[in-house]
Amino acid sequence: MADTLLDDVAGLLRETADQVVLPLFRRLDAADVTEKAPGELVTVADRRSEEMISAGLRRLRPGSVVVGEEAVADDPGLLRHLRSTGEVWLVDPIDGTANFAAGRSPFALMVSLLTGGRPEAAWILDPIAGTLATALKGGGTYLDGVPVRLPTDAPPVGELRGAAMTTFLPAPSRRTVVAGSSRIGELLPGQHCAGREYLDVLTGRQQFVLFWRTLPWDHGPGTLLVRAAGGVARRLDGSDYHPADTEPGLLVTASDKVWTEVHNTLLAP
C-alpha cells in the first residue's frame, strides 16, 4: 500500500477537523446534541464529520465500503461488512463525543482500513493536541511523521502507569481490578476517549490501557497502531483481537511483558 494513502487520509482527517469539527467545538446549541441510545450522545458535528470523511474515503477507494459509527446507529446491519473480503473503512467521526459535547478535550477522529476483515492501515488525529498517528501493517507506526517503536522490556509492576475503564467492567472483574490496583504504580480512570488512550501508549505516557467495551470503530485503528509499533492488543483470555468480534474485554500494552504483568496483577482472580 502506497504511502500516499497515509497522506491522503491524514489530509482528509485534518480538513474535516478544521472545517467541521473544530468550528463547532464549544459552539453547540442544545438542539445540536441528542441521544441516539440511552446514555449515548451524538452531535451535529459527529454526523457532519462522518459524512465528509465517508465521502472522501469513497473517492480515494471507489468500490470500498464505509462502516461509520453513526451510520451503524441507523443501520446495525452494516456491521456484516466487517467480515467482508473486500476493502472496508471503519470510521469514528468524533471519538469522545461526551467530551466534545461538554466542551472539553480529548476527542479524536479515527479511521482504519480493513482488507479481508483485518486492519491494514490506521489513523488517529487528536485535533486539539495536533497529534497524528498513522500505521501500515508491516510498515510501522508514525507519530507526527516520526517512526515509533515501543520498548520490549517492562518496568517493575510498581512503576507501571495505565488506565482501566472500570465503569463498564462487570462487578466481579471490577473488584479484582480494584484489589490489584494498589500494586500498580498508577492506575488512571480513563479519559473517555479511546483514541487518546492509544496515543498515550504510543508516546510512552502510559504503558497499558484496559477496555471492556470493544466497539470496532473505537479499537480497529488503535490496535493496529500499537501492534505496528511493537505493542500488544489481546482479549482478556489472551486471544487475538478482531474488529468483527463482539466479545468484551481488551488489554492493550506497550509490550508482551507488560501485558503479562498487568494481566497477572489486575485480572488474575
Protein backbone atom coordinates (compact mmCIF):
# COMPACT_ATOMS: atom_id res chain seq x y z
CA MET A 1 0.00 0.00 0.00
CA ALA A 2 1.49 3.30 -1.08
CA ASP A 3 2.48 5.89 1.47
CA THR A 4 0.33 8.32 -0.49
CA LEU A 5 -2.74 6.69 1.05
CA LEU A 6 -1.46 7.52 4.53
CA ASP A 7 -1.01 11.13 3.46
CA ASP A 8 -4.35 11.34 1.65
CA VAL A 9 -6.40 10.06 4.59
CA ALA A 10 -4.39 12.14 7.05
CA GLY A 11 -5.17 15.19 4.94
CA LEU A 12 -8.86 14.27 4.86
CA LEU A 13 -8.98 13.99 8.67
CA ARG A 14 -7.19 17.32 9.15
CA GLU A 15 -9.51 19.01 6.65
CA THR A 16 -12.58 17.56 8.37
CA ALA A 17 -11.32 18.66 11.78
CA ASP A 18 -10.60 22.17 10.51
CA GLN A 19 -13.81 22.65 8.52
CA VAL A 20 -16.38 20.71 10.54
CA VAL A 21 -15.32 19.61 14.00
CA LEU A 22 -13.31 22.45 15.49
CA PRO A 23 -15.66 25.23 14.31
CA LEU A 24 -18.42 23.55 16.36
CA PHE A 25 -16.31 22.85 19.45
CA ARG A 26 -17.82 24.79 22.37
CA ARG A 27 -20.37 26.27 19.97
CA LEU A 28 -23.09 23.62 20.09
CA ASP A 29 -26.66 24.58 20.90
CA ALA A 30 -28.87 22.31 22.99
CA ALA A 31 -30.63 21.13 19.84
CA ASP A 32 -27.27 20.07 18.37
CA VAL A 33 -26.84 17.28 20.94
CA THR A 34 -29.18 14.28 21.13
CA GLU A 35 -29.20 10.72 22.45
CA LYS A 36 -29.03 8.00 19.81
CA ALA A 37 -29.35 5.41 22.60
CA PRO A 38 -29.68 5.73 26.39
CA GLY A 39 -26.53 7.43 27.60
CA GLU A 40 -25.04 7.61 24.09
CA LEU A 41 -24.72 11.14 22.74
CA VAL A 42 -24.43 12.24 19.15
CA THR A 43 -23.93 15.78 17.88
CA VAL A 44 -24.35 17.51 14.56
CA ALA A 45 -20.55 17.59 14.41
CA ASP A 46 -20.39 13.77 14.58
CA ARG A 47 -22.82 13.41 11.71
CA ARG A 48 -21.24 16.08 9.52
CA SER A 49 -17.76 14.74 10.22
CA GLU A 50 -18.79 11.20 9.25
CA GLU A 51 -20.42 12.43 6.07
CA MET A 52 -17.30 14.32 5.00
CA ILE A 53 -14.88 11.54 5.91
CA SER A 54 -17.01 8.83 4.29
CA ALA A 55 -17.34 10.76 1.04
CA GLY A 56 -13.61 11.37 0.95
CA LEU A 57 -12.74 7.72 1.59
CA ARG A 58 -15.06 6.55 -1.17
CA ARG A 59 -13.31 8.92 -3.56
CA LEU A 60 -9.94 7.50 -2.54
CA ARG A 61 -11.06 3.89 -2.90
CA PRO A 62 -14.01 3.61 -5.33
CA GLY A 63 -15.98 0.47 -4.58
CA SER A 64 -14.91 0.30 -0.96
CA VAL A 65 -17.44 0.11 1.88
CA VAL A 66 -17.58 2.58 4.76
CA VAL A 67 -18.77 1.42 8.18
CA GLY A 68 -19.19 4.54 10.30
CA GLU A 69 -20.32 4.72 13.90
CA GLU A 70 -23.30 6.96 13.15
CA ALA A 71 -24.36 5.01 10.08
CA VAL A 72 -24.35 1.81 12.14
CA ALA A 73 -26.54 3.51 14.76
CA ASP A 74 -29.12 3.96 11.99
CA ASP A 75 -28.49 0.59 10.32
CA PRO A 76 -26.78 -2.07 12.51
CA GLY A 77 -26.77 -4.42 9.52
CA LEU A 78 -23.75 -2.55 8.18
CA LEU A 79 -21.61 -4.48 10.67
CA ARG A 80 -21.81 -7.51 8.37
CA HIS A 81 -19.22 -5.84 6.16
CA LEU A 82 -16.54 -6.23 8.84
CA ARG A 83 -16.03 -9.81 7.68
CA SER A 84 -16.06 -8.89 4.01
CA THR A 85 -13.20 -9.99 1.77
CA GLY A 86 -13.02 -6.53 0.19
CA GLU A 87 -11.85 -3.14 1.40
CA VAL A 88 -13.83 -1.76 4.31
CA TRP A 89 -13.28 1.52 6.13
CA LEU A 90 -14.04 1.86 9.84
CA VAL A 91 -14.81 5.45 10.82
CA ASP A 92 -15.20 7.09 14.21
CA PRO A 93 -16.01 10.69 13.25
CA ILE A 94 -15.56 12.01 16.80
CA ASP A 95 -14.27 9.61 19.39
CA GLY A 96 -15.02 11.07 22.79
CA THR A 97 -18.35 12.65 21.85
CA ALA A 98 -19.33 13.18 25.50
CA ASN A 99 -16.15 15.22 25.99
CA PHE A 100 -16.78 17.17 22.79
CA ALA A 101 -20.39 17.88 23.70
CA ALA A 102 -19.31 19.12 27.13
CA GLY A 103 -16.75 21.45 25.59
CA ARG A 104 -13.71 19.61 26.87
CA SER A 105 -10.91 17.53 25.39
CA PRO A 106 -9.70 14.97 24.50
CA PHE A 107 -11.53 13.81 21.43
CA ALA A 108 -10.22 12.31 18.21
CA LEU A 109 -11.03 11.44 14.61
CA MET A 110 -10.22 7.82 13.76
CA VAL A 111 -10.14 5.67 10.63
CA SER A 112 -8.87 2.21 9.78
CA LEU A 113 -8.87 0.27 6.53
CA LEU A 114 -9.72 -3.42 6.70
CA THR A 115 -8.90 -5.92 3.98
CA GLY A 116 -10.38 -9.35 4.42
CA GLY A 117 -11.57 -8.23 7.83
CA ARG A 118 -8.07 -7.41 9.08
CA PRO A 119 -6.74 -3.87 9.74
CA GLU A 120 -4.23 -2.86 7.08
CA ALA A 121 -3.89 0.86 7.80
CA ALA A 122 -4.89 3.20 10.62
CA TRP A 123 -5.13 6.86 11.52
CA ILE A 124 -5.87 8.72 14.77
CA LEU A 125 -5.95 12.52 14.88
CA ASP A 126 -6.23 14.50 18.12
CA PRO A 127 -7.11 17.90 16.65
CA ILE A 128 -6.67 19.85 19.89
CA ALA A 129 -3.18 18.50 20.60
CA GLY A 130 -2.41 18.46 16.88
CA THR A 131 -1.17 14.87 17.17
CA LEU A 132 -1.50 12.44 14.27
CA ALA A 133 -0.65 8.73 14.40
CA THR A 134 -0.57 6.59 11.24
CA ALA A 135 0.32 2.97 10.57
CA LEU A 136 0.54 0.42 7.80
CA LYS A 137 0.51 -3.27 8.60
CA GLY A 138 4.10 -4.39 8.17
CA GLY A 139 5.23 -0.82 7.64
CA GLY A 140 5.48 0.53 11.17
CA THR A 141 3.78 3.31 13.10
CA TYR A 142 4.45 7.03 12.80
CA LEU A 143 3.62 9.76 15.27
CA ASP A 144 3.61 13.17 13.61
CA GLY A 145 5.78 11.69 10.89
CA VAL A 146 8.36 10.20 13.26
CA PRO A 147 8.71 6.39 13.48
CA VAL A 148 7.60 4.91 16.80
CA ARG A 149 8.98 1.70 18.26
CA LEU A 150 7.75 0.71 21.70
CA PRO A 151 10.25 -0.76 24.20
CA THR A 152 10.24 -4.55 24.56
CA ASP A 153 11.10 -4.54 28.24
CA ALA A 154 8.77 -3.75 31.13
CA PRO A 155 9.20 -1.56 34.20
CA PRO A 156 8.53 -3.17 37.58
CA VAL A 157 4.82 -3.52 38.29
CA GLY A 158 5.07 -0.79 40.91
CA GLU A 159 6.22 1.65 38.23
CA LEU A 160 3.61 0.87 35.58
CA ARG A 161 1.17 3.58 34.60
CA GLY A 162 -2.03 2.94 32.73
CA ALA A 163 -5.79 3.30 32.54
CA ALA A 164 -8.69 0.96 33.25
CA MET A 165 -12.28 1.64 32.19
CA THR A 166 -13.69 0.20 35.42
CA THR A 167 -17.10 1.83 34.95
CA PHE A 168 -18.00 -0.72 32.29
CA LEU A 169 -16.48 -3.79 33.95
CA PRO A 170 -18.82 -6.39 35.44
CA ALA A 171 -18.80 -6.28 39.22
CA PRO A 172 -16.54 -9.33 39.83
CA SER A 173 -13.91 -8.07 37.37
CA ARG A 174 -14.15 -4.56 38.82
CA ARG A 175 -13.44 -5.90 42.30
CA THR A 176 -10.42 -7.84 41.00
CA VAL A 177 -9.03 -4.77 39.24
CA VAL A 178 -9.56 -2.54 42.27
CA ALA A 179 -7.91 -5.11 44.54
CA GLY A 180 -4.85 -5.28 42.30
CA SER A 181 -4.61 -1.55 41.65
CA SER A 182 -2.58 -0.94 44.82
CA ARG A 183 0.28 -2.93 43.27
CA ILE A 184 0.31 -0.83 40.07
CA GLY A 185 2.33 2.36 40.07
CA GLU A 186 -0.60 4.48 38.86
CA LEU A 187 -4.00 3.33 37.68
CA LEU A 188 -5.86 6.06 35.81
CA PRO A 189 -9.66 6.21 35.39
CA GLY A 190 -9.57 6.83 31.64
CA GLN A 191 -10.19 9.89 29.51
CA HIS A 192 -13.49 8.89 27.84
CA CYS A 193 -11.63 8.83 24.52
CA ALA A 194 -10.14 5.56 23.29
CA GLY A 195 -8.14 7.37 20.62
CA ARG A 196 -6.29 9.43 23.20
CA GLU A 197 -5.58 6.32 25.28
CA TYR A 198 -3.94 4.68 22.27
CA LEU A 199 -1.90 7.80 21.54
CA ASP A 200 -0.71 7.89 25.15
CA VAL A 201 0.55 4.31 24.85
CA LEU A 202 2.44 5.29 21.70
CA THR A 203 4.01 8.34 23.34
CA GLY A 204 5.00 6.39 26.46
CA ARG A 205 2.81 8.46 28.74
CA GLN A 206 1.27 5.18 29.86
CA GLN A 207 2.19 1.54 29.35
CA PHE A 208 -1.26 -0.02 29.19
CA VAL A 209 -4.99 0.52 28.88
CA LEU A 210 -7.77 -1.88 29.82
CA PHE A 211 -11.09 -1.65 27.96
CA TRP A 212 -14.31 -3.58 28.48
CA ARG A 213 -16.41 -2.22 25.61
CA THR A 214 -14.90 -3.13 22.23
CA LEU A 215 -16.87 -1.29 19.55
CA PRO A 216 -14.98 -1.78 16.27
CA TRP A 217 -14.51 1.90 15.39
CA ASP A 218 -13.06 2.54 18.85
CA HIS A 219 -10.36 -0.13 18.52
CA GLY A 220 -9.77 -1.06 14.89
CA PRO A 221 -7.44 1.92 14.36
CA GLY A 222 -5.68 1.90 17.74
CA THR A 223 -4.91 -1.80 17.91
CA LEU A 224 -3.10 -1.69 14.57
CA LEU A 225 -1.19 1.46 15.59
CA VAL A 226 0.04 -0.19 18.78
CA ARG A 227 0.81 -3.55 17.17
CA ALA A 228 2.69 -1.97 14.27
CA ALA A 229 4.86 -0.17 16.86
CA GLY A 230 5.69 -3.45 18.59
CA GLY A 231 2.97 -3.41 21.24
CA VAL A 232 0.25 -5.90 22.10
CA ALA A 233 -3.56 -5.85 21.88
CA ARG A 234 -5.28 -9.00 23.11
CA ARG A 235 -8.56 -10.14 24.54
CA LEU A 236 -8.52 -10.82 28.26
CA ASP A 237 -8.15 -14.56 27.63
CA GLY A 238 -5.02 -13.88 25.59
CA SER A 239 -6.62 -14.42 22.17
CA ASP A 240 -6.14 -12.05 19.27
CA TYR A 241 -8.43 -9.07 18.83
CA HIS A 242 -10.53 -8.90 15.66
CA PRO A 243 -12.70 -5.85 14.87
CA ALA A 244 -15.70 -8.02 13.99
CA ASP A 245 -15.64 -9.88 17.31
CA THR A 246 -18.32 -8.90 19.79
CA GLU A 247 -16.77 -10.26 22.99
CA PRO A 248 -15.98 -7.62 25.62
CA GLY A 249 -12.59 -7.07 27.19
CA LEU A 250 -9.35 -5.82 25.62
CA LEU A 251 -5.93 -5.24 27.19
CA VAL A 252 -3.54 -3.06 25.16
CA THR A 253 0.08 -2.75 26.30
CA ALA A 254 3.45 -1.46 25.17
CA SER A 255 4.97 -4.96 25.15
CA ASP A 256 4.24 -8.62 25.73
CA LYS A 257 5.97 -8.42 29.12
CA VAL A 258 3.76 -5.52 30.20
CA TRP A 259 0.67 -7.46 29.05
CA THR A 260 1.62 -10.39 31.27
CA GLU A 261 2.43 -8.18 34.26
CA VAL A 262 -0.80 -6.19 34.02
CA HIS A 263 -2.93 -9.26 33.39
CA ASN A 264 -1.44 -11.09 36.38
CA THR A 265 -1.82 -8.05 38.62
CA LEU A 266 -5.24 -6.71 37.66
CA LEU A 267 -7.13 -9.59 36.11
CA ALA A 268 -5.99 -12.83 37.69
CA PRO A 269 -8.58 -13.99 40.24
